[in-house]
Amino acid sequence: MKLSFPGKLFFLLGYILCFSDISSFNNHFVDAETLQNFTSFEMEEQLKVIDEHAAKIIKTTHGDTYECVDFYKQPAFDDQTMKNHLLNYKISSRKNSRTRKINDKKFGFLWENGVGCPIGTIPIQRVTKDKLLRLNSYSNKSKPQGSWNFTYNQYNVEHHFAVARTKRGEKKSYSGVSMAISVHDPEVRSPQFSSSRMHVQIGDDFIQAGWTVNPALYTDMQPRSYVYTKAGQNQCYNSLCPAGIILVRSDIPLGGLRGPPGVRGSTQIVYDTYGLLKDKANGNWWLEFGGIQIGFWPANIFQQSLANSVEWGGEVYSASLPGPRMGNGYFPLLDPVDDAHVCNITLVDENFKVDKMVKNIETFSDNNHSYKVYEDLDSGLPVGHIIYFGGPGKM
């Protein structure tokens, strides 16, 4: 079964950094725990290894540098549970249309060479010593989270949420979710972040996909699309850990700078579209951007087979500073032209039945003074059910 997700797509994906609890170098990529005792000399040696393994070096049209890495040398394949999955993927990909999707070079316009990486390789953003040091300083507390462990006006909380979500008391299971989300550039100070995303909880594990402004990681204040995975003891942004997404396209710069964000009051709304769907045949979770499958997570890395909760909306983090802006930085006025919002949402149940109305959900903001969220179940617009969210925070 395959979902298609409508919406206008300005498609440049967010920067790659990994947070893994594995105390090793996985396929010459570095995890945060190892970096704590990493000397300057060792960093230089590790960077040499990274450069030696790059099949090719290319740049995006925005100047970001990527290494073209052999498909089978992705960090996710370093996990011992993945060894048998290599052959299974190779066989199944030849039997279906995914091979054509991988090779069609639809996103070649994002690269200086107009193509991306050679077929058989995938692009991973080049690692520098400065990036390794930033990764080492990134706190465990500042990793993305879901809203279910938080309550309204909880004291001394560093994460805040304004989301619509499946109801906590309902014991339902989900095999898919999708959305289109408007893109903005809220003001953020390091080490804060402000993200707009969908969060899919799979037992104690989860997958997030959306855009984020995170100067502590990216050294800029631009919105960048991202994927974040927690599976067992592994957590990472994008693809750099055994829990990370396995990329299947050679022309997707997972980590590149996004296109221009939307402007409040403008009728030109910039959307990103996302979909996550469990494969009926093998249980793998496939990620779509703009209706194109770009990667997957093997079923066996998660503790349970189906998702138990889903949420859409904003998440912000701030340790010592007042809360950053969320969405476009304004309280919603219930107008897509003026507000950060999610639309075209769907849920897929455990029997793979698609629900495009998604009426039985709840809204939640843990701090209504700074961030608000509203639903419009029947907007009368082609985008259907709309979730408005955002706020000025306290800068």
Protein backbone atom coordinates (compact mmCIF):
# COMPACT_ATOMS: atom_id res chain seq x y z
CA MET A 1 0.00 0.00 0.00
CA LYS A 2 1.29 3.45 -0.88
CA LEU A 3 0.04 6.85 0.21
CA SER A 4 0.39 9.98 -1.82
CA PHE A 5 0.64 13.28 0.01
CA PRO A 6 -0.48 16.46 -1.75
CA GLY A 7 1.02 19.85 -1.14
CA LYS A 8 3.54 22.31 -2.44
CA LEU A 9 7.07 21.23 -1.66
CA PHE A 10 10.18 23.32 -1.26
CA PHE A 11 12.45 20.41 -0.44
CA LEU A 12 15.79 20.87 1.28
CA LEU A 13 16.46 18.63 4.24
CA GLY A 14 18.14 19.34 7.62
CA TYR A 15 21.68 18.88 8.86
CA ILE A 16 23.04 15.51 9.92
CA LEU A 17 24.18 14.90 13.49
CA CYS A 18 24.01 11.72 15.52
CA PHE A 19 23.45 10.99 19.18
CA SER A 20 24.15 7.33 19.81
CA ASP A 21 24.74 5.54 23.09
CA ILE A 22 26.96 2.98 21.35
CA SER A 23 30.56 3.47 22.45
CA SER A 24 32.19 2.86 19.08
CA PHE A 25 32.91 4.40 15.73
CA ASN A 26 30.18 3.17 13.43
CA ASN A 27 31.41 2.93 9.84
CA HIS A 28 33.76 5.86 10.45
CA PHE A 29 30.95 8.04 11.84
CA VAL A 30 31.31 9.33 15.39
CA ASP A 31 28.86 8.97 18.28
CA ALA A 32 28.45 11.49 21.10
CA GLU A 33 29.58 9.24 23.97
CA THR A 34 32.91 8.54 22.29
CA LEU A 35 33.44 12.22 21.65
CA GLN A 36 33.46 13.04 25.35
CA ASN A 37 37.02 11.69 25.59
CA PHE A 38 38.03 12.56 22.06
CA THR A 39 41.31 14.51 21.76
CA SER A 40 42.13 17.00 19.04
CA PHE A 41 44.65 14.57 17.53
CA GLU A 42 42.10 11.75 17.46
CA MET A 43 39.60 14.05 15.77
CA GLU A 44 42.10 14.84 13.03
CA GLU A 45 42.76 11.13 12.51
CA GLN A 46 39.05 10.36 12.40
CA LEU A 47 38.40 13.08 9.84
CA LYS A 48 41.11 11.57 7.63
CA VAL A 49 39.29 8.24 7.72
CA ILE A 50 36.01 9.94 6.79
CA ASP A 51 37.61 11.64 3.80
CA GLU A 52 39.23 8.40 2.63
CA HIS A 53 35.86 6.61 2.55
CA ALA A 54 34.12 9.26 0.46
CA ALA A 55 33.52 7.98 -3.08
CA LYS A 56 32.88 11.52 -4.26
CA ILE A 57 32.52 15.02 -2.81
CA ILE A 58 29.67 17.21 -4.09
CA LYS A 59 27.91 20.44 -3.09
CA THR A 60 24.34 21.64 -2.98
CA THR A 61 23.32 24.84 -4.71
CA HIS A 62 23.51 26.47 -1.26
CA GLY A 63 27.13 25.43 -0.83
CA ASP A 64 26.73 22.57 1.67
CA THR A 65 29.31 19.81 1.17
CA TYR A 66 28.31 16.13 1.01
CA GLU A 67 30.16 12.85 0.72
CA CYS A 68 28.73 10.18 -1.57
CA VAL A 69 28.79 6.99 0.53
CA ASP A 70 28.11 3.49 -0.78
CA PHE A 71 24.51 2.49 -0.04
CA TYR A 72 25.60 -0.57 1.95
CA LYS A 73 28.05 1.46 4.09
CA GLN A 74 25.36 3.62 5.65
CA PRO A 75 25.66 3.87 9.46
CA ALA A 76 22.37 2.02 9.96
CA PHE A 77 23.87 -1.13 8.46
CA ASP A 78 26.53 -1.23 11.20
CA ASP A 79 23.97 -2.64 13.62
CA GLN A 80 24.34 -6.42 13.98
CA THR A 81 20.58 -6.91 13.57
CA MET A 82 20.86 -5.34 10.12
CA LYS A 83 23.29 -7.80 8.56
CA ASN A 84 20.57 -10.05 7.14
CA HIS A 85 18.48 -7.06 6.12
CA LEU A 86 21.00 -6.06 3.45
CA LEU A 87 20.15 -9.01 1.23
CA ASN A 88 16.43 -8.75 1.90
CA TYR A 89 16.37 -5.12 0.82
CA LYS A 90 18.46 -5.83 -2.27
CA ILE A 91 16.08 -8.57 -3.37
CA SER A 92 12.83 -6.73 -2.64
CA SER A 93 13.93 -3.49 -4.26
CA ARG A 94 14.39 -5.26 -7.58
CA LYS A 95 10.84 -6.55 -7.52
CA ASN A 96 8.99 -3.28 -7.20
CA SER A 97 8.83 0.29 -8.43
CA ARG A 98 11.15 1.69 -5.74
CA THR A 99 14.16 1.06 -7.98
CA ARG A 100 12.81 3.54 -10.53
CA LYS A 101 12.09 6.09 -7.82
CA ILE A 102 15.64 5.82 -6.51
CA ASN A 103 17.14 6.40 -9.94
CA ASP A 104 14.91 9.11 -11.42
CA LYS A 105 17.03 12.03 -10.10
CA LYS A 106 13.95 14.15 -9.39
CA PHE A 107 15.85 16.32 -6.92
CA GLY A 108 18.92 16.94 -9.07
CA PHE A 109 18.14 20.66 -9.15
CA LEU A 110 19.27 20.87 -5.52
CA TRP A 111 22.88 20.12 -6.49
CA GLU A 112 25.58 22.16 -8.21
CA ASN A 113 26.17 19.26 -10.60
CA GLY A 114 22.46 19.00 -11.36
CA VAL A 115 22.43 15.30 -10.48
CA GLY A 116 23.50 14.50 -6.93
CA CYS A 117 25.54 11.42 -6.03
CA PRO A 118 26.22 8.53 -8.41
CA ILE A 119 23.67 5.72 -8.44
CA GLY A 120 24.51 3.20 -5.73
CA THR A 121 25.63 5.87 -3.26
CA ILE A 122 23.78 8.20 -0.90
CA PRO A 123 24.75 11.74 0.20
CA ILE A 124 25.79 12.34 3.81
CA GLN A 125 26.81 15.82 4.92
CA ARG A 126 30.54 16.14 5.36
CA VAL A 127 31.81 16.05 8.94
CA THR A 128 34.27 18.69 10.18
CA LYS A 129 36.15 19.05 13.45
CA ASP A 130 33.93 21.98 14.41
CA LYS A 131 30.81 19.89 13.82
CA LEU A 132 32.21 17.08 15.94
CA LEU A 133 32.84 19.52 18.79
CA ARG A 134 29.29 20.90 18.54
CA LEU A 135 27.91 17.39 18.61
CA ASN A 136 29.90 16.64 21.75
CA SER A 137 28.48 19.68 23.53
CA TYR A 138 24.84 18.89 22.67
CA SER A 139 22.97 17.98 25.86
CA ASN A 140 20.81 14.87 26.28
CA LYS A 141 18.05 17.10 27.65
CA SER A 142 17.87 19.04 24.40
CA LYS A 143 16.95 16.05 22.25
CA PRO A 144 13.47 16.06 20.66
CA GLN A 145 10.62 14.61 22.70
CA GLY A 146 6.89 13.93 22.58
CA SER A 147 4.28 15.87 24.54
CA TRP A 148 2.70 12.96 26.44
CA ASN A 149 5.11 13.16 29.40
CA PHE A 150 4.31 16.83 30.03
CA THR A 151 1.43 18.56 31.82
CA TYR A 152 0.05 22.09 31.68
CA ASN A 153 2.22 24.73 33.40
CA GLN A 154 4.67 22.13 34.68
CA TYR A 155 7.40 23.86 36.69
CA ASN A 156 10.96 24.23 35.36
CA VAL A 157 10.34 22.46 32.05
CA GLU A 158 12.78 23.03 29.18
CA HIS A 159 10.52 21.67 26.39
CA HIS A 160 7.18 23.20 25.42
CA PHE A 161 4.51 21.97 23.02
CA ALA A 162 1.47 23.21 21.10
CA VAL A 163 0.12 20.16 19.28
CA ALA A 164 -2.91 18.19 18.19
CA ARG A 165 -2.61 14.53 19.12
CA THR A 166 -4.41 11.23 19.39
CA LYS A 167 -6.17 10.88 22.72
CA ARG A 168 -4.16 9.36 25.55
CA GLY A 169 -6.89 7.08 26.91
CA GLU A 170 -7.66 5.35 23.62
CA LYS A 171 -5.90 2.06 23.04
CA LYS A 172 -5.54 2.32 19.29
CA SER A 173 -2.74 1.33 16.95
CA TYR A 174 -1.56 3.07 13.80
CA SER A 175 0.37 1.95 10.74
CA GLY A 176 0.70 5.31 9.03
CA VAL A 177 0.42 9.10 9.27
CA SER A 178 0.83 12.07 6.94
CA MET A 179 0.69 15.86 6.87
CA ALA A 180 1.53 19.03 5.00
CA ILE A 181 3.14 21.69 7.19
CA SER A 182 3.80 25.37 6.56
CA VAL A 183 7.44 26.47 6.80
CA HIS A 184 8.67 29.50 8.77
CA ASP A 185 11.82 30.91 10.38
CA PRO A 186 11.10 31.75 14.05
CA GLU A 187 13.71 33.69 16.01
CA VAL A 188 15.86 31.32 18.06
CA ARG A 189 19.02 31.75 20.13
CA SER A 190 21.57 29.03 20.72
CA PRO A 191 21.20 26.57 22.46
CA GLN A 192 17.43 26.77 21.84
CA PHE A 193 15.55 25.05 19.05
CA SER A 194 12.10 25.52 17.56
CA SER A 195 10.61 22.65 15.54
CA SER A 196 7.36 22.03 13.68
CA ARG A 197 6.84 18.34 13.08
CA MET A 198 4.86 15.14 13.32
CA HIS A 199 5.79 12.77 16.15
CA VAL A 200 4.98 9.07 15.88
CA GLN A 201 5.32 7.13 19.13
CA ILE A 202 6.10 3.40 18.74
CA GLY A 203 6.07 2.07 22.29
CA ASP A 204 9.05 3.68 24.04
CA ASP A 205 10.56 4.52 20.64
CA PHE A 206 9.57 7.26 18.20
CA ILE A 207 10.13 8.91 14.84
CA GLN A 208 9.88 12.67 14.22
CA ALA A 209 9.85 14.41 10.85
CA GLY A 210 9.48 18.12 10.11
CA TRP A 211 11.54 21.29 10.05
CA THR A 212 13.62 22.87 12.79
CA VAL A 213 15.58 26.04 13.54
CA ASN A 214 18.50 24.91 15.70
CA PRO A 215 21.57 27.20 15.73
CA ALA A 216 23.38 25.02 18.27
CA LEU A 217 23.54 22.25 15.69
CA TYR A 218 23.53 24.10 12.39
CA THR A 219 25.33 27.39 13.25
CA ASP A 220 22.57 29.36 11.53
CA MET A 221 18.96 30.37 12.17
CA GLN A 222 17.45 28.94 9.00
CA PRO A 223 14.65 26.35 8.91
CA ARG A 224 15.97 22.92 7.96
CA SER A 225 13.98 19.76 7.48
CA TYR A 226 14.97 16.90 9.74
CA VAL A 227 14.24 13.35 10.77
CA TYR A 228 14.86 12.19 14.33
CA THR A 229 14.73 8.60 15.52
CA LYS A 230 14.77 6.97 18.95
CA ALA A 231 15.04 3.19 18.82
CA GLY A 232 16.20 1.38 21.95
CA GLN A 233 19.43 2.95 23.21
CA ASN A 234 20.11 4.75 19.92
CA GLN A 235 18.98 8.27 19.09
CA CYS A 236 20.04 10.41 16.16
CA TYR A 237 19.17 13.10 13.68
CA ASN A 238 18.71 11.86 10.13
CA SER A 239 20.88 8.88 9.18
CA LEU A 240 24.00 8.84 11.37
CA CYS A 241 23.40 5.97 13.78
CA PRO A 242 22.13 2.37 13.79
CA ALA A 243 18.65 3.72 14.53
CA GLY A 244 18.79 6.24 11.71
CA ILE A 245 16.81 6.20 8.52
CA ILE A 246 18.25 4.09 5.68
CA LEU A 247 18.35 6.38 2.66
CA VAL A 248 17.49 4.96 -0.75
CA ARG A 249 17.93 8.00 -2.98
CA SER A 250 21.18 9.42 -4.32
CA ASP A 251 19.82 12.92 -4.91
CA ILE A 252 18.33 13.88 -1.52
CA PRO A 253 20.59 16.20 0.54
CA LEU A 254 19.38 15.10 3.95
CA GLY A 255 20.77 18.02 5.90
CA GLY A 256 20.77 20.78 3.30
CA LEU A 257 19.46 24.31 3.76
CA ARG A 258 15.73 24.75 3.08
CA GLY A 259 14.11 27.04 0.64
CA PRO A 260 12.64 30.47 1.54
CA PRO A 261 10.19 30.35 4.48
CA GLY A 262 6.66 31.68 4.30
CA VAL A 263 5.89 35.33 5.11
CA ARG A 264 2.93 36.19 7.34
CA GLY A 265 0.06 37.64 5.33
CA SER A 266 1.38 36.35 2.01
CA THR A 267 -0.84 34.11 -0.09
CA GLN A 268 2.28 32.20 -1.17
CA ILE A 269 2.33 29.53 1.53
CA VAL A 270 5.35 27.25 1.57
CA TYR A 271 4.56 23.64 2.53
CA ASP A 272 6.59 20.53 3.20
CA THR A 273 4.72 17.23 2.90
CA TYR A 274 5.58 14.17 4.96
CA GLY A 275 4.27 10.64 5.20
CA LEU A 276 5.22 7.63 7.29
CA LEU A 277 3.70 4.26 6.40
CA LYS A 278 4.34 0.73 7.58
CA ASP A 279 4.99 -1.79 4.79
CA LYS A 280 2.37 -4.55 4.82
CA ALA A 281 4.79 -7.13 3.47
CA ASN A 282 7.76 -6.81 5.83
CA GLY A 283 6.79 -4.33 8.55
CA ASN A 284 9.38 -1.70 7.62
CA TRP A 285 8.45 1.96 8.10
CA TRP A 286 8.81 4.04 4.90
CA LEU A 287 9.25 7.81 4.88
CA GLU A 288 7.87 9.97 2.07
CA PHE A 289 8.71 13.57 1.23
CA GLY A 290 6.57 15.19 -1.42
CA GLY A 291 5.04 11.83 -2.34
CA ILE A 292 8.46 10.24 -2.96
CA GLN A 293 9.78 7.41 -0.79
CA ILE A 294 13.27 8.44 0.34
CA GLY A 295 14.15 5.92 3.04
CA PHE A 296 12.99 3.41 5.61
CA TRP A 297 13.49 1.95 9.09
CA PRO A 298 13.63 -1.84 9.49
CA ALA A 299 10.83 -3.18 11.66
CA ASN A 300 13.19 -5.02 14.01
CA ILE A 301 14.85 -1.88 15.42
CA PHE A 302 11.64 -0.87 17.23
CA GLN A 303 10.30 -2.51 20.38
CA GLN A 304 6.78 -2.92 18.99
CA SER A 305 5.31 -3.24 15.51
CA LEU A 306 2.67 -0.48 15.45
CA ALA A 307 2.48 3.12 16.61
CA ASN A 308 0.36 3.85 19.67
CA SER A 309 0.25 7.68 19.52
CA VAL A 310 0.65 10.45 16.95
CA GLU A 311 0.93 14.23 17.28
CA TRP A 312 1.29 17.18 14.91
CA GLY A 313 2.50 20.69 15.79
CA GLY A 314 5.24 22.67 17.49
CA GLU A 315 7.98 21.81 19.97
CA VAL A 316 10.52 24.25 21.42
CA TYR A 317 13.48 23.80 23.74
CA SER A 318 15.33 26.29 25.91
CA ALA A 319 17.67 25.51 28.81
CA SER A 320 18.65 28.76 30.51
CA LEU A 321 17.05 31.33 28.20
CA PRO A 322 13.36 32.30 28.06
CA GLY A 323 11.32 30.26 25.58
CA PRO A 324 11.89 30.82 21.85
CA ARG A 325 9.27 31.55 19.23
CA MET A 326 7.21 28.70 17.80
CA GLY A 327 5.80 28.32 14.28
CA ASN A 328 5.91 31.78 12.71
CA GLY A 329 6.30 33.42 16.12
CA TYR A 330 2.69 34.63 16.44
CA PHE A 331 -0.44 33.41 18.19
CA PRO A 332 -2.81 31.89 15.62
CA LEU A 333 -5.58 33.99 14.05
CA LEU A 334 -7.18 30.89 12.48
CA ASP A 335 -6.17 31.85 8.95
CA PRO A 336 -3.68 29.81 6.86
CA VAL A 337 -2.28 33.02 5.38
CA ASP A 338 -1.36 34.37 8.81
CA ASP A 339 -0.60 31.26 10.87
CA ALA A 340 1.78 28.35 11.15
CA HIS A 341 -0.36 25.30 10.50
CA VAL A 342 -0.60 21.63 9.63
CA CYS A 343 -3.13 20.43 7.05
CA ASN A 344 -3.97 17.40 4.87
CA ILE A 345 -3.47 15.18 7.92
CA THR A 346 -4.28 11.48 7.72
CA LEU A 347 -4.07 8.49 10.03
CA VAL A 348 -3.81 4.86 8.92
CA ASP A 349 -5.14 2.29 11.38
CA GLU A 350 -3.76 -1.17 12.16
CA ASN A 351 -5.80 -2.63 9.28
CA PHE A 352 -4.33 -0.07 6.85
CA LYS A 353 -7.59 1.85 6.54
CA VAL A 354 -6.92 5.52 5.78
CA ASP A 355 -8.74 8.19 7.81
CA LYS A 356 -8.62 11.59 6.08
CA MET A 357 -11.02 13.31 8.48
CA VAL A 358 -9.09 12.60 11.72
CA LYS A 359 -11.76 14.04 14.01
CA ASN A 360 -11.17 12.17 17.24
CA ILE A 361 -8.03 13.97 18.45
CA GLU A 362 -7.26 16.53 21.16
CA THR A 363 -5.25 19.76 21.32
CA PHE A 364 -2.59 20.32 23.96
CA SER A 365 -0.40 23.25 24.97
CA ASP A 366 1.58 23.02 28.19
CA ASN A 367 1.98 26.83 28.29
CA ASN A 368 -0.96 28.78 26.87
CA HIS A 369 0.63 32.07 27.85
CA SER A 370 3.41 31.56 25.31
CA TYR A 371 2.10 29.03 22.76
CA LYS A 372 -1.40 28.23 21.50
CA VAL A 373 -2.99 25.57 19.31
CA TYR A 374 -6.43 25.37 17.65
CA GLU A 375 -8.26 22.97 15.35
CA ASP A 376 -10.49 23.74 12.37
CA LEU A 377 -12.24 20.47 11.57
CA ASP A 378 -14.14 21.81 8.57
CA SER A 379 -12.22 24.71 7.07
CA GLY A 380 -14.03 24.55 3.73
CA LEU A 381 -10.61 24.75 2.07
CA PRO A 382 -9.03 22.07 -0.15
CA VAL A 383 -6.50 21.35 2.61
CA GLY A 384 -9.24 19.97 4.88
CA HIS A 385 -8.66 19.60 8.62
CA ILE A 386 -6.26 22.34 9.80
CA ILE A 387 -4.22 22.57 13.01
CA TYR A 388 -3.06 26.12 13.81
CA PHE A 389 -0.23 26.56 16.30
CA GLY A 390 2.51 28.95 17.39
CA GLY A 391 3.41 31.77 19.70
CA PRO A 392 5.97 34.43 20.62
CA GLY A 393 7.45 32.55 23.57
CA LYS A 394 9.42 34.77 25.92
CA MET A 395 12.59 36.06 24.29
